């Protein structure tokens, strides 16, 4: 019952409240980002949603669009701005995703929507992370975020899919709030953001709460 009806209701209520509360902060951030990124405040990218169905995710920009001579983007470390580091530290770049939640493309809680090019790289077990809607926060995010390996993240995602409940979502929301007050594991070790996923050589370890 919760998975079919209650979760969507929770998404709408939480997203609406957070949008209203964050509106003054967004209005404060907007002019700074407008100047820094030349008027292009939002980052928009296609991501796989429920059962891999693609949708466009929205975030506040934290990087420039500077490219090499051949037209490819510079490494994340060279494009990440000082302002970008700050908004990423406190997850402020995720605020526009509340719009995705109201549209029904995202849930407040669920596995993070990753890049579409990762889809053929998942093992059969890892692909189960797409059996629920992706989310803004999730079990992997409150259990290490970018400080853990891809295999560990996927194991946490699969655990969530198999244990989805109102109680689990409330626990994740509570731990997310705590993590926002004490931000850590923003980036992967030795990375400006996170290293790309290139596939798993072995099956994912089993993890639980």
C-alpha atoms as a PDB file:
ATOM      1  CA  UNK A   1       0.000   0.000   0.000  1.00  0.00           C
ATOM      2  CA  UNK A   2       2.740   2.456   0.936  1.00  0.00           C
ATOM      3  CA  UNK A   3       4.806   1.680  -2.154  1.00  0.00           C
ATOM      4  CA  UNK A   4       1.821   2.165  -4.466  1.00  0.00           C
ATOM      5  CA  UNK A   5       0.116   5.190  -2.887  1.00  0.00           C
ATOM      6  CA  UNK A   6       1.727   6.445   0.323  1.00  0.00           C
ATOM      7  CA  UNK A   7       5.187   7.053  -1.103  1.00  0.00           C
ATOM      8  CA  UNK A   8       3.834   9.354  -3.805  1.00  0.00           C
ATOM      9  CA  UNK A   9       1.831  11.291  -1.219  1.00  0.00           C
ATOM     10  CA  UNK A  10       4.937  11.653   0.948  1.00  0.00           C
ATOM     11  CA  UNK A  11       6.892  12.887  -2.085  1.00  0.00           C
ATOM     12  CA  UNK A  12       4.337  15.587  -2.889  1.00  0.00           C
ATOM     13  CA  UNK A  13       4.066  16.812   0.705  1.00  0.00           C
ATOM     14  CA  UNK A  14       7.824  16.869   1.391  1.00  0.00           C
ATOM     15  CA  UNK A  15       8.714  18.401  -1.997  1.00  0.00           C
ATOM     16  CA  UNK A  16       6.104  21.154  -1.620  1.00  0.00           C
ATOM     17  CA  UNK A  17       7.234  22.049   1.900  1.00  0.00           C
ATOM     18  CA  UNK A  18      10.924  22.049   0.926  1.00  0.00           C
ATOM     19  CA  UNK A  19      10.263  24.173  -2.160  1.00  0.00           C
ATOM     20  CA  UNK A  20       8.466  26.794  -0.079  1.00  0.00           C
ATOM     21  CA  UNK A  21      11.154  26.797   2.605  1.00  0.00           C
ATOM     22  CA  UNK A  22      14.035  26.958   0.115  1.00  0.00           C
ATOM     23  CA  UNK A  23      12.545  29.674  -2.106  1.00  0.00           C
ATOM     24  CA  UNK A  24      14.217  32.588  -0.237  1.00  0.00           C
ATOM     25  CA  UNK A  25      17.576  30.790  -0.405  1.00  0.00           C
ATOM     26  CA  UNK A  26      17.150  30.125  -4.119  1.00  0.00           C
ATOM     27  CA  UNK A  27      16.313  33.790  -4.770  1.00  0.00           C
ATOM     28  CA  UNK A  28      19.495  34.714  -2.902  1.00  0.00           C
ATOM     29  CA  UNK A  29      21.651  32.245  -4.832  1.00  0.00           C
ATOM     30  CA  UNK A  30      20.232  32.948  -8.273  1.00  0.00           C
ATOM     31  CA  UNK A  31      21.941  36.314  -9.007  1.00  0.00           C
ATOM     32  CA  UNK A  32      25.354  34.976  -7.909  1.00  0.00           C
ATOM     33  CA  UNK A  33      25.061  31.900 -10.093  1.00  0.00           C
ATOM     34  CA  UNK A  34      23.701  34.005 -12.962  1.00  0.00           C
ATOM     35  CA  UNK A  35      26.850  36.129 -12.957  1.00  0.00           C
ATOM     36  CA  UNK A  36      29.309  33.262 -12.388  1.00  0.00           C
ATOM     37  CA  UNK A  37      27.873  31.028 -15.119  1.00  0.00           C
ATOM     38  CA  UNK A  38      26.971  33.705 -17.641  1.00  0.00           C
ATOM     39  CA  UNK A  39      23.217  33.476 -17.192  1.00  0.00           C
ATOM     40  CA  UNK A  40      23.066  29.670 -17.325  1.00  0.00           C
ATOM     41  CA  UNK A  41      22.044  28.797 -13.768  1.00  0.00           C
ATOM     42  CA  UNK A  42      20.664  25.292 -14.282  1.00  0.00           C
ATOM     43  CA  UNK A  43      22.330  22.013 -15.210  1.00  0.00           C
ATOM     44  CA  UNK A  44      20.062  19.710 -17.243  1.00  0.00           C
ATOM     45  CA  UNK A  45      20.939  16.132 -18.153  1.00  0.00           C
ATOM     46  CA  UNK A  46      19.144  12.977 -19.269  1.00  0.00           C
ATOM     47  CA  UNK A  47      19.097  10.258 -16.596  1.00  0.00           C
ATOM     48  CA  UNK A  48      17.393   6.848 -16.344  1.00  0.00           C
ATOM     49  CA  UNK A  49      14.329   6.713 -14.099  1.00  0.00           C
ATOM     50  CA  UNK A  50      11.950   3.924 -13.114  1.00  0.00           C
ATOM     51  CA  UNK A  51      12.744   0.790 -15.163  1.00  0.00           C
ATOM     52  CA  UNK A  52      15.366   2.817 -17.021  1.00  0.00           C
ATOM     53  CA  UNK A  53      12.873   5.223 -18.606  1.00  0.00           C
ATOM     54  CA  UNK A  54      14.838   8.412 -19.400  1.00  0.00           C
ATOM     55  CA  UNK A  55      13.956  11.842 -18.039  1.00  0.00           C
ATOM     56  CA  UNK A  56      15.772  15.154 -17.635  1.00  0.00           C
ATOM     57  CA  UNK A  57      17.135  15.941 -14.205  1.00  0.00           C
ATOM     58  CA  UNK A  58      17.676  19.540 -13.058  1.00  0.00           C
ATOM     59  CA  UNK A  59      20.363  20.847 -10.714  1.00  0.00           C
ATOM     60  CA  UNK A  60      21.960  24.189  -9.918  1.00  0.00           C
ATOM     61  CA  UNK A  61      25.216  24.511 -11.811  1.00  0.00           C
ATOM     62  CA  UNK A  62      28.414  23.960  -9.850  1.00  0.00           C
ATOM     63  CA  UNK A  63      30.846  23.766 -12.799  1.00  0.00           C
ATOM     64  CA  UNK A  64      31.717  25.862 -15.799  1.00  0.00           C
ATOM     65  CA  UNK A  65      31.394  24.570 -19.378  1.00  0.00           C
ATOM     66  CA  UNK A  66      35.054  25.149 -20.227  1.00  0.00           C
ATOM     67  CA  UNK A  67      36.368  22.784 -22.885  1.00  0.00           C
ATOM     68  CA  UNK A  68      39.665  21.644 -24.359  1.00  0.00           C
ATOM     69  CA  UNK A  69      40.669  22.634 -27.881  1.00  0.00           C
ATOM     70  CA  UNK A  70      39.015  19.482 -29.252  1.00  0.00           C
ATOM     71  CA  UNK A  71      35.699  20.486 -27.706  1.00  0.00           C
ATOM     72  CA  UNK A  72      35.660  17.946 -24.840  1.00  0.00           C
ATOM     73  CA  UNK A  73      34.999  19.220 -21.338  1.00  0.00           C
ATOM     74  CA  UNK A  74      37.908  19.880 -19.009  1.00  0.00           C
ATOM     75  CA  UNK A  75      38.247  17.587 -15.957  1.00  0.00           C
ATOM     76  CA  UNK A  76      35.779  18.233 -13.124  1.00  0.00           C
ATOM     77  CA  UNK A  77      38.553  19.559 -10.874  1.00  0.00           C
ATOM     78  CA  UNK A  78      39.260  22.373 -13.359  1.00  0.00           C
ATOM     79  CA  UNK A  79      35.597  23.260 -13.931  1.00  0.00           C
ATOM     80  CA  UNK A  80      34.348  23.146 -10.335  1.00  0.00           C
ATOM     81  CA  UNK A  81      34.063  26.697  -9.014  1.00  0.00           C
ATOM     82  CA  UNK A  82      34.480  27.926  -5.438  1.00  0.00           C
ATOM     83  CA  UNK A  83      30.754  28.659  -5.299  1.00  0.00           C
ATOM     84  CA  UNK A  84      30.111  25.235  -6.788  1.00  0.00           C
ATOM     85  CA  UNK A  85      32.082  23.555  -4.008  1.00  0.00           C
ATOM     86  CA  UNK A  86      29.995  25.362  -1.398  1.00  0.00           C
ATOM     87  CA  UNK A  87      26.602  24.516  -2.871  1.00  0.00           C
ATOM     88  CA  UNK A  88      27.697  20.898  -3.411  1.00  0.00           C
ATOM     89  CA  UNK A  89      28.909  20.658   0.185  1.00  0.00           C
ATOM     90  CA  UNK A  90      25.441  21.495   1.490  1.00  0.00           C
ATOM     91  CA  UNK A  91      23.614  19.755  -1.409  1.00  0.00           C
ATOM     92  CA  UNK A  92      22.036  23.041  -2.499  1.00  0.00           C
ATOM     93  CA  UNK A  93      22.611  22.046  -6.124  1.00  0.00           C
ATOM     94  CA  UNK A  94      19.920  19.381  -5.646  1.00  0.00           C
ATOM     95  CA  UNK A  95      17.102  21.870  -4.933  1.00  0.00           C
ATOM     96  CA  UNK A  96      15.720  21.993  -8.518  1.00  0.00           C
ATOM     97  CA  UNK A  97      15.160  18.229  -8.335  1.00  0.00           C
ATOM     98  CA  UNK A  98      12.152  18.952  -6.141  1.00  0.00           C
ATOM     99  CA  UNK A  99      10.530  19.981  -9.444  1.00  0.00           C
ATOM    100  CA  UNK A 100      11.330  16.504 -10.792  1.00  0.00           C
ATOM    101  CA  UNK A 101       9.673  15.024  -7.695  1.00  0.00           C
ATOM    102  CA  UNK A 102       6.451  16.979  -8.250  1.00  0.00           C
ATOM    103  CA  UNK A 103       6.457  15.820 -11.884  1.00  0.00           C
ATOM    104  CA  UNK A 104       6.631  12.219 -10.692  1.00  0.00           C
ATOM    105  CA  UNK A 105      10.025  11.490 -12.264  1.00  0.00           C
ATOM    106  CA  UNK A 106      11.905  11.355  -8.971  1.00  0.00           C
ATOM    107  CA  UNK A 107      11.075  10.357  -5.431  1.00  0.00           C
ATOM    108  CA  UNK A 108      12.424  12.107  -2.361  1.00  0.00           C
ATOM    109  CA  UNK A 109      13.998   8.795  -1.318  1.00  0.00           C
ATOM    110  CA  UNK A 110      15.448   6.220  -3.709  1.00  0.00           C
ATOM    111  CA  UNK A 111      18.634   5.202  -5.516  1.00  0.00           C
ATOM    112  CA  UNK A 112      20.360   8.191  -7.092  1.00  0.00           C
ATOM    113  CA  UNK A 113      19.714   8.563 -10.847  1.00  0.00           C
ATOM    114  CA  UNK A 114      23.071   7.981 -12.537  1.00  0.00           C
ATOM    115  CA  UNK A 115      24.256   8.388 -16.119  1.00  0.00           C
ATOM    116  CA  UNK A 116      22.451   6.627 -18.959  1.00  0.00           C
ATOM    117  CA  UNK A 117      25.759   5.219 -20.238  1.00  0.00           C
ATOM    118  CA  UNK A 118      26.024   3.139 -17.063  1.00  0.00           C
ATOM    119  CA  UNK A 119      22.928   1.085 -17.931  1.00  0.00           C
ATOM    120  CA  UNK A 120      24.721  -1.634 -19.980  1.00  0.00           C
ATOM    121  CA  UNK A 121      27.477  -1.877 -17.339  1.00  0.00           C
ATOM    122  CA  UNK A 122      25.280  -3.083 -14.476  1.00  0.00           C
ATOM    123  CA  UNK A 123      25.160  -6.704 -13.421  1.00  0.00           C
ATOM    124  CA  UNK A 124      21.697  -8.281 -13.369  1.00  0.00           C
ATOM    125  CA  UNK A 125      21.577  -7.710  -9.617  1.00  0.00           C
ATOM    126  CA  UNK A 126      22.761  -4.095  -9.809  1.00  0.00           C
ATOM    127  CA  UNK A 127      20.102  -3.339 -12.432  1.00  0.00           C
ATOM    128  CA  UNK A 128      17.453  -3.981  -9.767  1.00  0.00           C
ATOM    129  CA  UNK A 129      18.128  -0.453  -8.505  1.00  0.00           C
ATOM    130  CA  UNK A 130      15.823   0.698 -11.320  1.00  0.00           C
ATOM    131  CA  UNK A 131      12.857  -1.288  -9.965  1.00  0.00           C
ATOM    132  CA  UNK A 132      11.886   1.792  -7.948  1.00  0.00           C
ATOM    133  CA  UNK A 133      11.924   5.497  -8.772  1.00  0.00           C
ATOM    134  CA  UNK A 134      15.296   7.164  -8.298  1.00  0.00           C
ATOM    135  CA  UNK A 135      15.547   9.645  -5.456  1.00  0.00           C
ATOM    136  CA  UNK A 136      17.211  12.817  -4.250  1.00  0.00           C
ATOM    137  CA  UNK A 137      18.561  10.974  -1.229  1.00  0.00           C
ATOM    138  CA  UNK A 138      18.862   7.286  -0.519  1.00  0.00           C
ATOM    139  CA  UNK A 139      20.258   4.474   1.597  1.00  0.00           C
ATOM    140  CA  UNK A 140      23.643   4.698  -0.134  1.00  0.00           C
ATOM    141  CA  UNK A 141      23.788   8.476   0.403  1.00  0.00           C
ATOM    142  CA  UNK A 142      23.321   8.175   4.170  1.00  0.00           C
ATOM    143  CA  UNK A 143      25.785   5.284   4.372  1.00  0.00           C
ATOM    144  CA  UNK A 144      28.883   6.834   2.868  1.00  0.00           C
ATOM    145  CA  UNK A 145      27.749   8.809  -0.177  1.00  0.00           C
ATOM    146  CA  UNK A 146      30.840   9.238  -2.376  1.00  0.00           C
ATOM    147  CA  UNK A 147      33.199   7.861   0.260  1.00  0.00           C
ATOM    148  CA  UNK A 148      32.324   4.265  -0.650  1.00  0.00           C
ATOM    149  CA  UNK A 149      32.891   2.179  -3.772  1.00  0.00           C
ATOM    150  CA  UNK A 150      30.406   1.854  -6.623  1.00  0.00           C
ATOM    151  CA  UNK A 151      29.787  -1.781  -5.656  1.00  0.00           C
ATOM    152  CA  UNK A 152      28.928  -0.752  -2.099  1.00  0.00           C
ATOM    153  CA  UNK A 153      26.584   1.962  -3.363  1.00  0.00           C
ATOM    154  CA  UNK A 154      24.743  -0.500  -5.578  1.00  0.00           C
ATOM    155  CA  UNK A 155      24.458  -3.016  -2.741  1.00  0.00           C
ATOM    156  CA  UNK A 156      22.851  -0.347  -0.560  1.00  0.00           C
ATOM    157  CA  UNK A 157      20.522   0.577  -3.444  1.00  0.00           C
ATOM    158  CA  UNK A 158      19.428  -3.044  -3.850  1.00  0.00           C
ATOM    159  CA  UNK A 159      18.901  -3.365  -0.096  1.00  0.00           C
ATOM    160  CA  UNK A 160      16.604  -0.342  -0.293  1.00  0.00           C
ATOM    161  CA  UNK A 161      14.609  -1.788  -3.204  1.00  0.00           C
ATOM    162  CA  UNK A 162      14.051  -4.991  -1.218  1.00  0.00           C
ATOM    163  CA  UNK A 163      13.227  -3.201   2.048  1.00  0.00           C
ATOM    164  CA  UNK A 164      11.242  -0.177   0.858  1.00  0.00           C
ATOM    165  CA  UNK A 165       8.793   0.936   3.523  1.00  0.00           C
ATOM    166  CA  UNK A 166       7.483   4.058   5.225  1.00  0.00           C
ATOM    167  CA  UNK A 167       9.740   3.342   8.204  1.00  0.00           C
ATOM    168  CA  UNK A 168      12.805   3.021   5.955  1.00  0.00           C
ATOM    169  CA  UNK A 169      12.035   6.275   4.136  1.00  0.00           C
ATOM    170  CA  UNK A 170      11.580   8.162   7.410  1.00  0.00           C
ATOM    171  CA  UNK A 171      14.891   6.774   8.681  1.00  0.00           C
ATOM    172  CA  UNK A 172      16.670   7.909   5.517  1.00  0.00           C
ATOM    173  CA  UNK A 173      15.092  11.376   5.696  1.00  0.00           C
ATOM    174  CA  UNK A 174      16.164  11.719   9.327  1.00  0.00           C
ATOM    175  CA  UNK A 175      19.736  10.636   8.573  1.00  0.00           C
ATOM    176  CA  UNK A 176      19.814  12.939   5.534  1.00  0.00           C
ATOM    177  CA  UNK A 177      18.904  15.903   7.724  1.00  0.00           C
ATOM    178  CA  UNK A 178      21.720  14.984  10.130  1.00  0.00           C
ATOM    179  CA  UNK A 179      24.194  14.657   7.261  1.00  0.00           C
ATOM    180  CA  UNK A 180      23.244  18.079   5.897  1.00  0.00           C
ATOM    181  CA  UNK A 181      24.255  19.576   9.239  1.00  0.00           C
ATOM    182  CA  UNK A 182      27.520  17.608   9.213  1.00  0.00           C
ATOM    183  CA  UNK A 183      28.406  17.279   5.503  1.00  0.00           C
ATOM    184  CA  UNK A 184      31.040  14.678   4.605  1.00  0.00           C
ATOM    185  CA  UNK A 185      31.979  12.294   1.792  1.00  0.00           C
ATOM    186  CA  UNK A 186      30.992  14.971  -0.738  1.00  0.00           C
ATOM    187  CA  UNK A 187      33.631  13.757  -3.174  1.00  0.00           C
ATOM    188  CA  UNK A 188      35.224  10.381  -3.757  1.00  0.00           C
ATOM    189  CA  UNK A 189      38.740  10.077  -2.242  1.00  0.00           C
ATOM    190  CA  UNK A 190      41.249  11.793  -4.526  1.00  0.00           C
ATOM    191  CA  UNK A 191      38.507  13.132  -6.825  1.00  0.00           C
ATOM    192  CA  UNK A 192      36.977  16.558  -7.372  1.00  0.00           C
ATOM    193  CA  UNK A 193      33.591  14.834  -7.644  1.00  0.00           C
ATOM    194  CA  UNK A 194      33.453  11.066  -8.235  1.00  0.00           C
ATOM    195  CA  UNK A 195      35.235   8.681 -10.599  1.00  0.00           C
ATOM    196  CA  UNK A 196      33.032   7.245 -13.384  1.00  0.00           C
ATOM    197  CA  UNK A 197      31.606   3.752 -13.073  1.00  0.00           C
ATOM    198  CA  UNK A 198      33.295   1.349 -15.513  1.00  0.00           C
ATOM    199  CA  UNK A 199      31.617  -1.914 -14.541  1.00  0.00           C
ATOM    200  CA  UNK A 200      32.019  -4.487 -11.786  1.00  0.00           C
ATOM    201  CA  UNK A 201      34.441  -7.373 -12.084  1.00  0.00           C
ATOM    202  CA  UNK A 202      32.822  -9.286  -9.238  1.00  0.00           C
ATOM    203  CA  UNK A 203      29.365  -9.471  -7.751  1.00  0.00           C
ATOM    204  CA  UNK A 204      28.476  -6.824  -5.210  1.00  0.00           C
ATOM    205  CA  UNK A 205      29.006  -7.564  -1.487  1.00  0.00           C
ATOM    206  CA  UNK A 206      25.904  -8.020   0.614  1.00  0.00           C
ATOM    207  CA  UNK A 207      25.162  -5.078   2.871  1.00  0.00           C
ATOM    208  CA  UNK A 208      22.313  -4.230   5.179  1.00  0.00           C
ATOM    209  CA  UNK A 209      21.442  -1.787   7.895  1.00  0.00           C
END
